[in-house]
C-alpha atoms as a PDB file:
ATOM      1  CA  UNK A   1       0.000   0.000   0.000  1.00  0.00           C
ATOM      2  CA  UNK A   2       2.831   2.389   0.825  1.00  0.00           C
ATOM      3  CA  UNK A   3       4.491   1.822  -2.542  1.00  0.00           C
ATOM      4  CA  UNK A   4       1.216   2.753  -4.261  1.00  0.00           C
ATOM      5  CA  UNK A   5       1.090   5.989  -2.248  1.00  0.00           C
ATOM      6  CA  UNK A   6       4.680   6.824  -3.202  1.00  0.00           C
ATOM      7  CA  UNK A   7       3.824   6.276  -6.888  1.00  0.00           C
ATOM      8  CA  UNK A   8       0.810   8.556  -6.502  1.00  0.00           C
ATOM      9  CA  UNK A   9       3.035  11.217  -4.889  1.00  0.00           C
ATOM     10  CA  UNK A  10       5.402  10.928  -7.860  1.00  0.00           C
ATOM     11  CA  UNK A  11       2.544  11.352 -10.330  1.00  0.00           C
ATOM     12  CA  UNK A  12       1.226  14.391  -8.446  1.00  0.00           C
ATOM     13  CA  UNK A  13       4.693  15.979  -8.361  1.00  0.00           C
ATOM     14  CA  UNK A  14       5.079  15.342 -12.102  1.00  0.00           C
ATOM     15  CA  UNK A  15       1.716  16.934 -12.918  1.00  0.00           C
ATOM     16  CA  UNK A  16       2.451  19.862 -10.587  1.00  0.00           C
ATOM     17  CA  UNK A  17       5.846  20.464 -12.187  1.00  0.00           C
ATOM     18  CA  UNK A  18       4.268  20.445 -15.652  1.00  0.00           C
ATOM     19  CA  UNK A  19       1.638  22.970 -14.579  1.00  0.00           C
ATOM     20  CA  UNK A  20       4.117  25.237 -12.777  1.00  0.00           C
ATOM     21  CA  UNK A  21       6.265  25.438 -15.925  1.00  0.00           C
ATOM     22  CA  UNK A  22       3.346  26.571 -18.109  1.00  0.00           C
ATOM     23  CA  UNK A  23       2.666  30.133 -19.281  1.00  0.00           C
ATOM     24  CA  UNK A  24      -0.717  30.698 -17.642  1.00  0.00           C
ATOM     25  CA  UNK A  25      -0.845  32.132 -14.127  1.00  0.00           C
ATOM     26  CA  UNK A  26      -3.900  30.043 -13.234  1.00  0.00           C
ATOM     27  CA  UNK A  27      -2.058  26.861 -14.244  1.00  0.00           C
ATOM     28  CA  UNK A  28       0.885  27.878 -12.060  1.00  0.00           C
ATOM     29  CA  UNK A  29      -1.445  28.390  -9.092  1.00  0.00           C
ATOM     30  CA  UNK A  30      -3.154  25.023  -9.661  1.00  0.00           C
ATOM     31  CA  UNK A  31       0.303  23.449  -9.956  1.00  0.00           C
ATOM     32  CA  UNK A  32       1.365  24.827  -6.582  1.00  0.00           C
ATOM     33  CA  UNK A  33      -1.879  23.548  -5.039  1.00  0.00           C
ATOM     34  CA  UNK A  34      -1.305  20.064  -6.480  1.00  0.00           C
ATOM     35  CA  UNK A  35       2.302  20.128  -5.279  1.00  0.00           C
ATOM     36  CA  UNK A  36       1.148  20.955  -1.754  1.00  0.00           C
ATOM     37  CA  UNK A  37      -1.308  18.033  -1.903  1.00  0.00           C
ATOM     38  CA  UNK A  38       1.564  15.774  -2.957  1.00  0.00           C
ATOM     39  CA  UNK A  39       3.569  16.929   0.067  1.00  0.00           C
ATOM     40  CA  UNK A  40       0.585  16.239   2.350  1.00  0.00           C
ATOM     41  CA  UNK A  41       0.277  12.737   0.953  1.00  0.00           C
ATOM     42  CA  UNK A  42       4.025  12.215   1.330  1.00  0.00           C
ATOM     43  CA  UNK A  43       3.897  13.263   4.982  1.00  0.00           C
ATOM     44  CA  UNK A  44       0.999  10.892   5.585  1.00  0.00           C
ATOM     45  CA  UNK A  45       2.813   8.035   3.867  1.00  0.00           C
ATOM     46  CA  UNK A  46       6.071   8.598   5.725  1.00  0.00           C
ATOM     47  CA  UNK A  47       4.210   8.915   9.044  1.00  0.00           C
ATOM     48  CA  UNK A  48       2.566   5.566   8.411  1.00  0.00           C
ATOM     49  CA  UNK A  49      -0.587   4.066   9.872  1.00  0.00           C
ATOM     50  CA  UNK A  50      -0.030   3.028  13.447  1.00  0.00           C
ATOM     51  CA  UNK A  51      -2.685   1.273  15.442  1.00  0.00           C
ATOM     52  CA  UNK A  52      -3.081   1.945  19.120  1.00  0.00           C
ATOM     53  CA  UNK A  53      -5.131   3.740  21.704  1.00  0.00           C
ATOM     54  CA  UNK A  54      -5.407   7.414  22.511  1.00  0.00           C
ATOM     55  CA  UNK A  55      -2.532   8.706  24.704  1.00  0.00           C
ATOM     56  CA  UNK A  56      -4.332   9.723  27.906  1.00  0.00           C
ATOM     57  CA  UNK A  57      -2.730  10.376  31.254  1.00  0.00           C
ATOM     58  CA  UNK A  58      -3.762   8.268  34.222  1.00  0.00           C
ATOM     59  CA  UNK A  59      -4.487   5.110  32.266  1.00  0.00           C
ATOM     60  CA  UNK A  60      -2.460   1.961  32.016  1.00  0.00           C
ATOM     61  CA  UNK A  61       0.539   2.157  29.705  1.00  0.00           C
ATOM     62  CA  UNK A  62      -0.524   0.743  26.374  1.00  0.00           C
ATOM     63  CA  UNK A  63       0.752   1.239  22.863  1.00  0.00           C
ATOM     64  CA  UNK A  64      -0.581   4.558  21.616  1.00  0.00           C
ATOM     65  CA  UNK A  65      -0.806   6.334  18.305  1.00  0.00           C
ATOM     66  CA  UNK A  66       1.422   9.325  17.599  1.00  0.00           C
ATOM     67  CA  UNK A  67      -0.732  12.206  16.351  1.00  0.00           C
ATOM     68  CA  UNK A  68       2.173  14.366  15.162  1.00  0.00           C
ATOM     69  CA  UNK A  69       1.982  13.438  11.422  1.00  0.00           C
ATOM     70  CA  UNK A  70      -1.733  14.248  11.328  1.00  0.00           C
ATOM     71  CA  UNK A  71      -1.154  17.539  13.147  1.00  0.00           C
ATOM     72  CA  UNK A  72       1.599  18.493  10.686  1.00  0.00           C
ATOM     73  CA  UNK A  73      -0.616  17.646   7.729  1.00  0.00           C
ATOM     74  CA  UNK A  74      -3.529  19.639   9.128  1.00  0.00           C
ATOM     75  CA  UNK A  75      -1.270  22.658   9.626  1.00  0.00           C
ATOM     76  CA  UNK A  76       0.138  22.284   6.111  1.00  0.00           C
ATOM     77  CA  UNK A  77      -3.375  22.061   4.638  1.00  0.00           C
ATOM     78  CA  UNK A  78      -4.417  25.310   6.325  1.00  0.00           C
ATOM     79  CA  UNK A  79      -1.258  27.104   5.195  1.00  0.00           C
ATOM     80  CA  UNK A  80      -1.513  25.861   1.597  1.00  0.00           C
ATOM     81  CA  UNK A  81      -5.182  26.859   1.444  1.00  0.00           C
ATOM     82  CA  UNK A  82      -4.297  30.381   2.600  1.00  0.00           C
ATOM     83  CA  UNK A  83      -1.434  30.662   0.107  1.00  0.00           C
ATOM     84  CA  UNK A  84      -3.633  29.384  -2.742  1.00  0.00           C
ATOM     85  CA  UNK A  85      -6.398  31.861  -1.864  1.00  0.00           C
ATOM     86  CA  UNK A  86      -3.870  34.706  -1.733  1.00  0.00           C
ATOM     87  CA  UNK A  87      -2.392  33.730  -5.099  1.00  0.00           C
ATOM     88  CA  UNK A  88      -5.860  33.537  -6.664  1.00  0.00           C
ATOM     89  CA  UNK A  89      -6.662  37.048  -5.430  1.00  0.00           C
ATOM     90  CA  UNK A  90      -3.349  38.322  -6.815  1.00  0.00           C
ATOM     91  CA  UNK A  91      -4.012  36.624 -10.161  1.00  0.00           C
ATOM     92  CA  UNK A  92      -7.497  38.121 -10.355  1.00  0.00           C
ATOM     93  CA  UNK A  93      -6.158  41.595  -9.606  1.00  0.00           C
ATOM     94  CA  UNK A  94      -3.359  41.133 -12.117  1.00  0.00           C
ATOM     95  CA  UNK A  95      -5.872  40.073 -14.775  1.00  0.00           C
ATOM     96  CA  UNK A  96      -8.010  43.150 -14.069  1.00  0.00           C
ATOM     97  CA  UNK A  97      -4.992  45.463 -14.319  1.00  0.00           C
ATOM     98  CA  UNK A  98      -3.298  43.891 -17.371  1.00  0.00           C
ATOM     99  CA  UNK A  99      -6.085  42.052 -19.195  1.00  0.00           C
ATOM    100  CA  UNK A 100      -4.096  38.825 -19.549  1.00  0.00           C
ATOM    101  CA  UNK A 101      -2.795  35.932 -17.484  1.00  0.00           C
ATOM    102  CA  UNK A 102      -0.014  34.955 -19.896  1.00  0.00           C
ATOM    103  CA  UNK A 103       3.365  35.182 -18.180  1.00  0.00           C
ATOM    104  CA  UNK A 104       5.193  35.912 -21.463  1.00  0.00           C
ATOM    105  CA  UNK A 105       3.034  38.964 -22.135  1.00  0.00           C
ATOM    106  CA  UNK A 106       3.428  40.168 -18.556  1.00  0.00           C
ATOM    107  CA  UNK A 107       7.231  40.005 -18.813  1.00  0.00           C
ATOM    108  CA  UNK A 108       7.485  43.349 -20.588  1.00  0.00           C
ATOM    109  CA  UNK A 109       8.748  44.267 -24.024  1.00  0.00           C
ATOM    110  CA  UNK A 110      11.973  42.990 -25.525  1.00  0.00           C
ATOM    111  CA  UNK A 111      13.670  46.452 -25.588  1.00  0.00           C
ATOM    112  CA  UNK A 112      13.498  46.982 -21.811  1.00  0.00           C
END
């Protein structure tokens, strides 16, 4: 199962890299969102699925599950959502100001 997840992470990174290298700003933003999802999946895969009880104080010592990978992923999801929303607002404003989302046209003229 873990090898399948690693293959899926590789596919997501490949798709994200392709989108980030494109000329459209929206494709670049979608590429960064897909790349962040690939990182979330990688963190989940590396953290692994561990079975055990909830770590509560005052109970008998039993094997417990470490919640750190899930906490890291949740934090990363919130941060990537905020960054994606910010980039979408910037892209919308840029489109209103310049009338295009093509990165080649936004680069300026060749005599600058």
